[in-house]
C-alpha cells in the first residue's frame, strides 16, 4: 500500500517526481537569466534624461534614454554620446559625433549638406527647419558656415536640431575650434526607453568613412535574457499547480469513462 501511494503522489506513473525536478531546474535557470540580465544591464548601461530639444527629432525633450558606458576611444562617427566638458556646461550633454581626429568637417556643401573629408553626408536624422541660408533648404546641415580640421584625440559634435543646438559651432573661436577630447565622453546612447521605446540606429552615411560605424551594444541580448528568464520562472512555478488541477480532474472522472 505504501508503495502504491508513493507512485500515485508522483502523478500515477512515477513521472511527477521527474517533472518536479525539471520545473525546479527551469525556475533556477530562469531566475539566473532574469537577475543576470538586470545586473548585466545595470553594469553596462546608465539611464539619462535629456532636458533640451537640441537632439530633436532623434531624442525629444524629457526623453529617458539608456546609454552604454564606453571609453572615449570607442567612439565612432554618427554616435550619439553623453559627455561633460566644463567649458561647455557643468551638466552632461548629449550630441552627435560628426567628426573624429584628422577629419575635415565643413558646412555647407552643395544643397546645404555637411561634408566630412569632402564626402557629403546624407543626414535623415536632422530636424526639418527652414534656415535663412542661400541655397540651404529645410533640413540644412547648419545656418553657420564653418570648416574645421579635428585635432587627433578629439571629436566634433553637433545636435540634430541644427537651428537651435548649442554645439561645436558655438565654440569655433575657442582653442580646438569647438572640438572636445575623447576623454570627456562617458557613454553612448543606445535606446529610448520612455515615453517611447526604440533602439537608436547607427547612421549608414558614416559607414563608408574610415573606421566605419560602431556596433550596437548588448541591450537586445540583455532584454532577451530577462524575458526568457521570466518565462522560465513562470512556467516552472506553474507546473505544480497545473499538475494538481489535472490530477483532481482525472480522479473525478467516472470509472466507465476510462
C-alpha atoms as a PDB file:
ATOM      1  CA  UNK A   1       0.000   0.000   0.000  1.00  0.00           C
ATOM      2  CA  UNK A   2       2.811   2.418   0.922  1.00  0.00           C
ATOM      3  CA  UNK A   3       4.487   1.872  -2.447  1.00  0.00           C
ATOM      4  CA  UNK A   4       1.219   2.372  -4.325  1.00  0.00           C
ATOM      5  CA  UNK A   5       0.531   5.652  -2.550  1.00  0.00           C
ATOM      6  CA  UNK A   6       4.014   6.895  -3.379  1.00  0.00           C
ATOM      7  CA  UNK A   7       3.515   6.182  -7.079  1.00  0.00           C
ATOM      8  CA  UNK A   8       0.138   7.945  -7.105  1.00  0.00           C
ATOM      9  CA  UNK A   9       1.642  11.006  -5.469  1.00  0.00           C
ATOM     10  CA  UNK A  10       4.040  11.057  -8.417  1.00  0.00           C
ATOM     11  CA  UNK A  11       1.239  11.641 -10.954  1.00  0.00           C
ATOM     12  CA  UNK A  12       0.155   7.991 -11.177  1.00  0.00           C
ATOM     13  CA  UNK A  13       3.078   6.658 -13.225  1.00  0.00           C
ATOM     14  CA  UNK A  14       6.130   7.917 -11.393  1.00  0.00           C
ATOM     15  CA  UNK A  15       6.753  10.843 -13.781  1.00  0.00           C
ATOM     16  CA  UNK A  16       5.639  13.581 -11.390  1.00  0.00           C
ATOM     17  CA  UNK A  17       8.878  13.484  -9.446  1.00  0.00           C
ATOM     18  CA  UNK A  18      10.900  13.944 -12.641  1.00  0.00           C
ATOM     19  CA  UNK A  19       8.583  16.749 -13.731  1.00  0.00           C
ATOM     20  CA  UNK A  20       9.064  18.495 -10.422  1.00  0.00           C
ATOM     21  CA  UNK A  21      12.829  18.262 -10.850  1.00  0.00           C
ATOM     22  CA  UNK A  22      12.602  19.774 -14.349  1.00  0.00           C
ATOM     23  CA  UNK A  23      10.318  22.562 -13.129  1.00  0.00           C
ATOM     24  CA  UNK A  24      12.778  23.332 -10.341  1.00  0.00           C
ATOM     25  CA  UNK A  25      15.642  23.479 -12.843  1.00  0.00           C
ATOM     26  CA  UNK A  26      13.592  25.756 -15.106  1.00  0.00           C
ATOM     27  CA  UNK A  27      12.882  28.111 -12.211  1.00  0.00           C
ATOM     28  CA  UNK A  28      16.553  28.172 -11.192  1.00  0.00           C
ATOM     29  CA  UNK A  29      17.779  28.846 -14.745  1.00  0.00           C
ATOM     30  CA  UNK A  30      15.025  31.396 -15.305  1.00  0.00           C
ATOM     31  CA  UNK A  31      15.849  33.250 -12.116  1.00  0.00           C
ATOM     32  CA  UNK A  32      19.542  33.296 -13.030  1.00  0.00           C
ATOM     33  CA  UNK A  33      18.782  34.683 -16.505  1.00  0.00           C
ATOM     34  CA  UNK A  34      16.291  37.217 -15.163  1.00  0.00           C
ATOM     35  CA  UNK A  35      18.542  38.517 -12.404  1.00  0.00           C
ATOM     36  CA  UNK A  36      21.684  38.225 -14.517  1.00  0.00           C
ATOM     37  CA  UNK A  37      20.138  40.252 -17.335  1.00  0.00           C
ATOM     38  CA  UNK A  38      19.238  43.061 -14.947  1.00  0.00           C
ATOM     39  CA  UNK A  39      22.628  43.072 -13.250  1.00  0.00           C
ATOM     40  CA  UNK A  40      24.432  42.976 -16.606  1.00  0.00           C
ATOM     41  CA  UNK A  41      22.312  45.877 -17.839  1.00  0.00           C
ATOM     42  CA  UNK A  42      22.979  47.919 -14.686  1.00  0.00           C
ATOM     43  CA  UNK A  43      26.723  47.416 -15.100  1.00  0.00           C
ATOM     44  CA  UNK A  44      26.836  48.245 -18.818  1.00  0.00           C
ATOM     45  CA  UNK A  45      24.151  50.935 -19.123  1.00  0.00           C
ATOM     46  CA  UNK A  46      23.274  54.153 -17.367  1.00  0.00           C
ATOM     47  CA  UNK A  47      19.918  55.962 -17.633  1.00  0.00           C
ATOM     48  CA  UNK A  48      19.773  59.644 -18.555  1.00  0.00           C
ATOM     49  CA  UNK A  49      17.011  62.186 -19.006  1.00  0.00           C
ATOM     50  CA  UNK A  50      17.567  64.616 -21.888  1.00  0.00           C
ATOM     51  CA  UNK A  51      16.257  68.060 -20.846  1.00  0.00           C
ATOM     52  CA  UNK A  52      16.764  70.060 -24.069  1.00  0.00           C
ATOM     53  CA  UNK A  53      15.475  69.962 -27.643  1.00  0.00           C
ATOM     54  CA  UNK A  54      18.924  70.071 -29.296  1.00  0.00           C
ATOM     55  CA  UNK A  55      18.692  66.419 -30.431  1.00  0.00           C
ATOM     56  CA  UNK A  56      15.189  66.592 -31.902  1.00  0.00           C
ATOM     57  CA  UNK A  57      13.713  64.661 -33.610  1.00  0.00           C
ATOM     58  CA  UNK A  58      16.018  61.791 -32.613  1.00  0.00           C
ATOM     59  CA  UNK A  59      15.616  62.492 -28.893  1.00  0.00           C
ATOM     60  CA  UNK A  60      12.794  64.682 -27.610  1.00  0.00           C
ATOM     61  CA  UNK A  61      12.976  66.942 -24.534  1.00  0.00           C
ATOM     62  CA  UNK A  62      12.254  64.888 -21.406  1.00  0.00           C
ATOM     63  CA  UNK A  63      13.027  61.550 -23.081  1.00  0.00           C
ATOM     64  CA  UNK A  64      14.610  58.887 -20.895  1.00  0.00           C
ATOM     65  CA  UNK A  65      17.460  57.078 -22.629  1.00  0.00           C
ATOM     66  CA  UNK A  66      19.840  54.220 -21.909  1.00  0.00           C
ATOM     67  CA  UNK A  67      23.479  54.938 -22.655  1.00  0.00           C
ATOM     68  CA  UNK A  68      26.202  52.311 -22.775  1.00  0.00           C
ATOM     69  CA  UNK A  69      29.212  53.139 -20.629  1.00  0.00           C
ATOM     70  CA  UNK A  70      32.169  53.277 -23.013  1.00  0.00           C
ATOM     71  CA  UNK A  71      35.685  54.609 -23.230  1.00  0.00           C
ATOM     72  CA  UNK A  72      36.156  57.662 -25.427  1.00  0.00           C
ATOM     73  CA  UNK A  73      38.424  55.644 -27.681  1.00  0.00           C
ATOM     74  CA  UNK A  74      35.451  53.514 -28.758  1.00  0.00           C
ATOM     75  CA  UNK A  75      33.518  56.440 -30.234  1.00  0.00           C
ATOM     76  CA  UNK A  76      32.745  56.393 -33.960  1.00  0.00           C
ATOM     77  CA  UNK A  77      31.218  58.950 -36.290  1.00  0.00           C
ATOM     78  CA  UNK A  78      27.439  59.065 -36.056  1.00  0.00           C
ATOM     79  CA  UNK A  79      27.324  58.028 -32.386  1.00  0.00           C
ATOM     80  CA  UNK A  80      25.053  59.971 -30.066  1.00  0.00           C
ATOM     81  CA  UNK A  81      27.193  60.427 -26.970  1.00  0.00           C
ATOM     82  CA  UNK A  82      26.843  61.686 -23.415  1.00  0.00           C
ATOM     83  CA  UNK A  83      29.784  63.870 -22.403  1.00  0.00           C
ATOM     84  CA  UNK A  84      30.735  66.517 -19.886  1.00  0.00           C
ATOM     85  CA  UNK A  85      33.062  69.365 -20.740  1.00  0.00           C
ATOM     86  CA  UNK A  86      33.338  72.187 -18.200  1.00  0.00           C
ATOM     87  CA  UNK A  87      33.935  74.717 -20.980  1.00  0.00           C
ATOM     88  CA  UNK A  88      30.533  73.843 -22.420  1.00  0.00           C
ATOM     89  CA  UNK A  89      28.405  73.138 -19.361  1.00  0.00           C
ATOM     90  CA  UNK A  90      28.552  71.891 -15.791  1.00  0.00           C
ATOM     91  CA  UNK A  91      25.936  69.248 -16.690  1.00  0.00           C
ATOM     92  CA  UNK A  92      26.211  66.235 -19.015  1.00  0.00           C
ATOM     93  CA  UNK A  93      25.251  66.969 -22.613  1.00  0.00           C
ATOM     94  CA  UNK A  94      24.011  64.782 -25.482  1.00  0.00           C
ATOM     95  CA  UNK A  95      25.233  65.413 -29.054  1.00  0.00           C
ATOM     96  CA  UNK A  96      26.080  63.512 -32.226  1.00  0.00           C
ATOM     97  CA  UNK A  97      29.676  62.876 -33.298  1.00  0.00           C
ATOM     98  CA  UNK A  98      30.186  64.044 -36.880  1.00  0.00           C
ATOM     99  CA  UNK A  99      33.975  64.225 -36.974  1.00  0.00           C
ATOM    100  CA  UNK A 100      36.914  62.500 -35.300  1.00  0.00           C
ATOM    101  CA  UNK A 101      40.652  63.229 -35.141  1.00  0.00           C
ATOM    102  CA  UNK A 102      42.095  64.050 -38.560  1.00  0.00           C
ATOM    103  CA  UNK A 103      38.721  64.769 -40.209  1.00  0.00           C
ATOM    104  CA  UNK A 104      37.974  67.981 -42.047  1.00  0.00           C
ATOM    105  CA  UNK A 105      34.368  68.891 -41.311  1.00  0.00           C
ATOM    106  CA  UNK A 106      32.815  71.578 -43.495  1.00  0.00           C
ATOM    107  CA  UNK A 107      29.473  73.195 -43.995  1.00  0.00           C
ATOM    108  CA  UNK A 108      27.992  73.565 -46.283  1.00  0.00           C
ATOM    109  CA  UNK A 109      28.425  71.622 -49.472  1.00  0.00           C
ATOM    110  CA  UNK A 110      26.058  71.668 -52.417  1.00  0.00           C
ATOM    111  CA  UNK A 111      22.447  71.547 -51.287  1.00  0.00           C
ATOM    112  CA  UNK A 112      23.377  72.707 -47.789  1.00  0.00           C
ATOM    113  CA  UNK A 113      24.864  69.371 -46.710  1.00  0.00           C
ATOM    114  CA  UNK A 114      27.628  68.694 -44.209  1.00  0.00           C
ATOM    115  CA  UNK A 115      30.834  67.238 -45.644  1.00  0.00           C
ATOM    116  CA  UNK A 116      33.454  65.111 -43.909  1.00  0.00           C
ATOM    117  CA  UNK A 117      36.763  64.821 -45.788  1.00  0.00           C
ATOM    118  CA  UNK A 118      34.956  66.050 -48.879  1.00  0.00           C
ATOM    119  CA  UNK A 119      32.179  63.448 -48.665  1.00  0.00           C
ATOM    120  CA  UNK A 120      28.663  64.856 -48.462  1.00  0.00           C
ATOM    121  CA  UNK A 121      26.610  63.264 -45.712  1.00  0.00           C
ATOM    122  CA  UNK A 122      23.009  62.169 -46.043  1.00  0.00           C
ATOM    123  CA  UNK A 123      21.603  63.098 -42.633  1.00  0.00           C
ATOM    124  CA  UNK A 124      17.959  61.990 -42.435  1.00  0.00           C
ATOM    125  CA  UNK A 125      18.018  62.423 -38.662  1.00  0.00           C
ATOM    126  CA  UNK A 126      18.365  66.230 -38.640  1.00  0.00           C
ATOM    127  CA  UNK A 127      15.275  68.304 -37.869  1.00  0.00           C
ATOM    128  CA  UNK A 128      13.440  69.789 -40.821  1.00  0.00           C
ATOM    129  CA  UNK A 129      13.832  73.535 -40.237  1.00  0.00           C
ATOM    130  CA  UNK A 130      13.698  76.464 -42.604  1.00  0.00           C
ATOM    131  CA  UNK A 131      17.091  78.141 -42.335  1.00  0.00           C
ATOM    132  CA  UNK A 132      17.885  81.564 -43.754  1.00  0.00           C
ATOM    133  CA  UNK A 133      20.828  80.451 -45.843  1.00  0.00           C
ATOM    134  CA  UNK A 134      21.084  80.905 -49.594  1.00  0.00           C
ATOM    135  CA  UNK A 135      20.798  77.527 -51.280  1.00  0.00           C
ATOM    136  CA  UNK A 136      20.041  75.765 -47.974  1.00  0.00           C
ATOM    137  CA  UNK A 137      16.541  74.278 -47.904  1.00  0.00           C
ATOM    138  CA  UNK A 138      14.708  72.947 -44.853  1.00  0.00           C
ATOM    139  CA  UNK A 139      16.814  70.332 -43.141  1.00  0.00           C
ATOM    140  CA  UNK A 140      20.076  72.101 -43.988  1.00  0.00           C
ATOM    141  CA  UNK A 141      23.111  70.956 -42.056  1.00  0.00           C
ATOM    142  CA  UNK A 142      23.779  74.381 -40.494  1.00  0.00           C
ATOM    143  CA  UNK A 143      22.946  78.060 -40.760  1.00  0.00           C
ATOM    144  CA  UNK A 144      26.519  78.776 -39.632  1.00  0.00           C
ATOM    145  CA  UNK A 145      29.191  78.077 -42.270  1.00  0.00           C
ATOM    146  CA  UNK A 146      32.415  76.585 -40.944  1.00  0.00           C
ATOM    147  CA  UNK A 147      35.409  74.446 -41.798  1.00  0.00           C
ATOM    148  CA  UNK A 148      37.305  72.633 -39.043  1.00  0.00           C
ATOM    149  CA  UNK A 149      40.137  70.123 -39.023  1.00  0.00           C
ATOM    150  CA  UNK A 150      39.611  67.993 -35.916  1.00  0.00           C
ATOM    151  CA  UNK A 151      42.748  67.515 -33.781  1.00  0.00           C
ATOM    152  CA  UNK A 152      43.834  63.956 -33.051  1.00  0.00           C
ATOM    153  CA  UNK A 153      42.135  62.538 -29.975  1.00  0.00           C
ATOM    154  CA  UNK A 154      39.216  64.972 -30.283  1.00  0.00           C
ATOM    155  CA  UNK A 155      35.627  64.997 -31.549  1.00  0.00           C
ATOM    156  CA  UNK A 156      33.427  67.481 -33.400  1.00  0.00           C
ATOM    157  CA  UNK A 157      29.851  67.366 -32.093  1.00  0.00           C
ATOM    158  CA  UNK A 158      26.544  68.657 -33.463  1.00  0.00           C
ATOM    159  CA  UNK A 159      22.949  68.467 -32.308  1.00  0.00           C
ATOM    160  CA  UNK A 160      20.325  67.068 -34.685  1.00  0.00           C
ATOM    161  CA  UNK A 161      18.244  70.232 -34.359  1.00  0.00           C
ATOM    162  CA  UNK A 162      20.831  72.339 -36.096  1.00  0.00           C
ATOM    163  CA  UNK A 163      18.839  75.575 -35.955  1.00  0.00           C
ATOM    164  CA  UNK A 164      18.942  75.846 -32.158  1.00  0.00           C
ATOM    165  CA  UNK A 165      21.571  73.415 -30.854  1.00  0.00           C
ATOM    166  CA  UNK A 166      24.486  74.899 -28.916  1.00  0.00           C
ATOM    167  CA  UNK A 167      27.249  72.561 -30.030  1.00  0.00           C
ATOM    168  CA  UNK A 168      30.754  72.691 -31.511  1.00  0.00           C
ATOM    169  CA  UNK A 169      29.693  75.575 -33.747  1.00  0.00           C
ATOM    170  CA  UNK A 170      29.156  77.777 -30.688  1.00  0.00           C
ATOM    171  CA  UNK A 171      32.803  77.239 -29.664  1.00  0.00           C
ATOM    172  CA  UNK A 172      34.557  77.689 -33.010  1.00  0.00           C
ATOM    173  CA  UNK A 173      36.588  80.643 -31.735  1.00  0.00           C
ATOM    174  CA  UNK A 174      37.962  78.719 -28.776  1.00  0.00           C
ATOM    175  CA  UNK A 175      41.088  76.570 -28.688  1.00  0.00           C
ATOM    176  CA  UNK A 176      40.399  73.392 -30.639  1.00  0.00           C
ATOM    177  CA  UNK A 177      37.723  75.107 -32.783  1.00  0.00           C
ATOM    178  CA  UNK A 178      34.838  73.671 -30.816  1.00  0.00           C
ATOM    179  CA  UNK A 179      36.171  70.139 -30.546  1.00  0.00           C
ATOM    180  CA  UNK A 180      36.234  68.194 -27.278  1.00  0.00           C
ATOM    181  CA  UNK A 181      38.665  65.489 -26.097  1.00  0.00           C
ATOM    182  CA  UNK A 182      37.535  61.891 -26.438  1.00  0.00           C
ATOM    183  CA  UNK A 183      38.218  61.522 -22.721  1.00  0.00           C
ATOM    184  CA  UNK A 184      35.155  63.612 -21.792  1.00  0.00           C
ATOM    185  CA  UNK A 185      32.768  61.056 -23.322  1.00  0.00           C
ATOM    186  CA  UNK A 186      31.016  58.994 -20.651  1.00  0.00           C
ATOM    187  CA  UNK A 187      28.526  56.905 -22.623  1.00  0.00           C
ATOM    188  CA  UNK A 188      26.873  56.234 -25.996  1.00  0.00           C
ATOM    189  CA  UNK A 189      23.082  56.377 -26.293  1.00  0.00           C
ATOM    190  CA  UNK A 190      21.705  53.040 -27.460  1.00  0.00           C
ATOM    191  CA  UNK A 191      17.967  53.290 -26.855  1.00  0.00           C
ATOM    192  CA  UNK A 192      14.993  55.426 -25.923  1.00  0.00           C
ATOM    193  CA  UNK A 193      13.061  53.863 -23.053  1.00  0.00           C
ATOM    194  CA  UNK A 194      10.387  56.416 -22.089  1.00  0.00           C
ATOM    195  CA  UNK A 195       7.864  57.660 -23.183  1.00  0.00           C
ATOM    196  CA  UNK A 196       8.751  55.838 -26.413  1.00  0.00           C
ATOM    197  CA  UNK A 197      10.768  52.639 -26.719  1.00  0.00           C
ATOM    198  CA  UNK A 198      13.157  52.166 -29.624  1.00  0.00           C
ATOM    199  CA  UNK A 199      16.778  51.450 -30.459  1.00  0.00           C
ATOM    200  CA  UNK A 200      18.925  54.214 -31.933  1.00  0.00           C
ATOM    201  CA  UNK A 201      20.160  53.075 -35.312  1.00  0.00           C
ATOM    202  CA  UNK A 202      23.698  53.848 -36.445  1.00  0.00           C
ATOM    203  CA  UNK A 203      23.594  56.264 -39.424  1.00  0.00           C
ATOM    204  CA  UNK A 204      24.733  54.423 -42.535  1.00  0.00           C
ATOM    205  CA  UNK A 205      26.027  57.627 -44.147  1.00  0.00           C
ATOM    206  CA  UNK A 206      29.188  57.258 -41.997  1.00  0.00           C
ATOM    207  CA  UNK A 207      29.760  53.585 -42.807  1.00  0.00           C
ATOM    208  CA  UNK A 208      31.885  54.275 -45.888  1.00  0.00           C
ATOM    209  CA  UNK A 209      34.306  56.518 -43.983  1.00  0.00           C
ATOM    210  CA  UNK A 210      37.480  55.051 -42.413  1.00  0.00           C
ATOM    211  CA  UNK A 211      36.657  53.285 -39.144  1.00  0.00           C
ATOM    212  CA  UNK A 212      33.034  52.778 -40.129  1.00  0.00           C
ATOM    213  CA  UNK A 213      30.262  52.931 -37.539  1.00  0.00           C
ATOM    214  CA  UNK A 214      30.043  51.454 -34.074  1.00  0.00           C
ATOM    215  CA  UNK A 215      28.348  48.152 -33.335  1.00  0.00           C
ATOM    216  CA  UNK A 216      25.147  48.033 -31.337  1.00  0.00           C
ATOM    217  CA  UNK A 217      25.547  47.395 -27.624  1.00  0.00           C
ATOM    218  CA  UNK A 218      24.336  44.258 -25.814  1.00  0.00           C
ATOM    219  CA  UNK A 219      20.960  45.745 -24.833  1.00  0.00           C
ATOM    220  CA  UNK A 220      18.898  43.422 -27.036  1.00  0.00           C
ATOM    221  CA  UNK A 221      20.675  40.381 -25.604  1.00  0.00           C
ATOM    222  CA  UNK A 222      20.119  41.637 -22.068  1.00  0.00           C
ATOM    223  CA  UNK A 223      16.406  42.206 -22.689  1.00  0.00           C
ATOM    224  CA  UNK A 224      16.141  38.732 -24.235  1.00  0.00           C
ATOM    225  CA  UNK A 225      17.807  37.180 -21.161  1.00  0.00           C
ATOM    226  CA  UNK A 226      15.346  38.941 -18.846  1.00  0.00           C
ATOM    227  CA  UNK A 227      12.345  37.921 -20.984  1.00  0.00           C
ATOM    228  CA  UNK A 228      13.408  34.274 -21.333  1.00  0.00           C
ATOM    229  CA  UNK A 229      14.181  34.133 -17.629  1.00  0.00           C
ATOM    230  CA  UNK A 230      10.738  35.479 -16.723  1.00  0.00           C
ATOM    231  CA  UNK A 231       9.047  32.909 -18.980  1.00  0.00           C
ATOM    232  CA  UNK A 232      11.030  30.008 -17.477  1.00  0.00           C
ATOM    233  CA  UNK A 233      10.221  31.131 -13.918  1.00  0.00           C
ATOM    234  CA  UNK A 234       6.511  31.403 -14.710  1.00  0.00           C
ATOM    235  CA  UNK A 235       6.376  28.045 -16.496  1.00  0.00           C
ATOM    236  CA  UNK A 236       8.366  26.284 -13.789  1.00  0.00           C
ATOM    237  CA  UNK A 237       6.287  27.777 -10.999  1.00  0.00           C
ATOM    238  CA  UNK A 238       3.045  26.910 -12.814  1.00  0.00           C
ATOM    239  CA  UNK A 239       3.955  23.233 -13.279  1.00  0.00           C
ATOM    240  CA  UNK A 240       2.951  22.071  -9.792  1.00  0.00           C
ATOM    241  CA  UNK A 241      -0.488  23.788  -9.684  1.00  0.00           C
ATOM    242  CA  UNK A 242      -1.319  22.648 -13.223  1.00  0.00           C
ATOM    243  CA  UNK A 243      -0.431  19.032 -12.411  1.00  0.00           C
ATOM    244  CA  UNK A 244      -2.568  19.134  -9.265  1.00  0.00           C
ATOM    245  CA  UNK A 245      -5.557  20.572 -11.144  1.00  0.00           C
ATOM    246  CA  UNK A 246      -5.239  17.955 -13.880  1.00  0.00           C
ATOM    247  CA  UNK A 247      -4.876  15.217 -11.271  1.00  0.00           C
ATOM    248  CA  UNK A 248      -8.062  16.266  -9.498  1.00  0.00           C
ATOM    249  CA  UNK A 249      -9.862  16.298 -12.837  1.00  0.00           C
ATOM    250  CA  UNK A 250      -8.797  12.717 -13.588  1.00  0.00           C
ATOM    251  CA  UNK A 251      -9.843  11.479 -10.145  1.00  0.00           C
ATOM    252  CA  UNK A 252     -13.324  12.932 -10.659  1.00  0.00           C
ATOM    253  CA  UNK A 253     -13.864  11.108 -13.963  1.00  0.00           C
ATOM    254  CA  UNK A 254     -16.379   8.171 -13.762  1.00  0.00           C
ATOM    255  CA  UNK A 255     -14.786   4.719 -13.854  1.00  0.00           C
ATOM    256  CA  UNK A 256     -16.647   3.847 -17.064  1.00  0.00           C
ATOM    257  CA  UNK A 257     -15.073   6.671 -18.994  1.00  0.00           C
ATOM    258  CA  UNK A 258     -11.600   5.158 -18.663  1.00  0.00           C
END
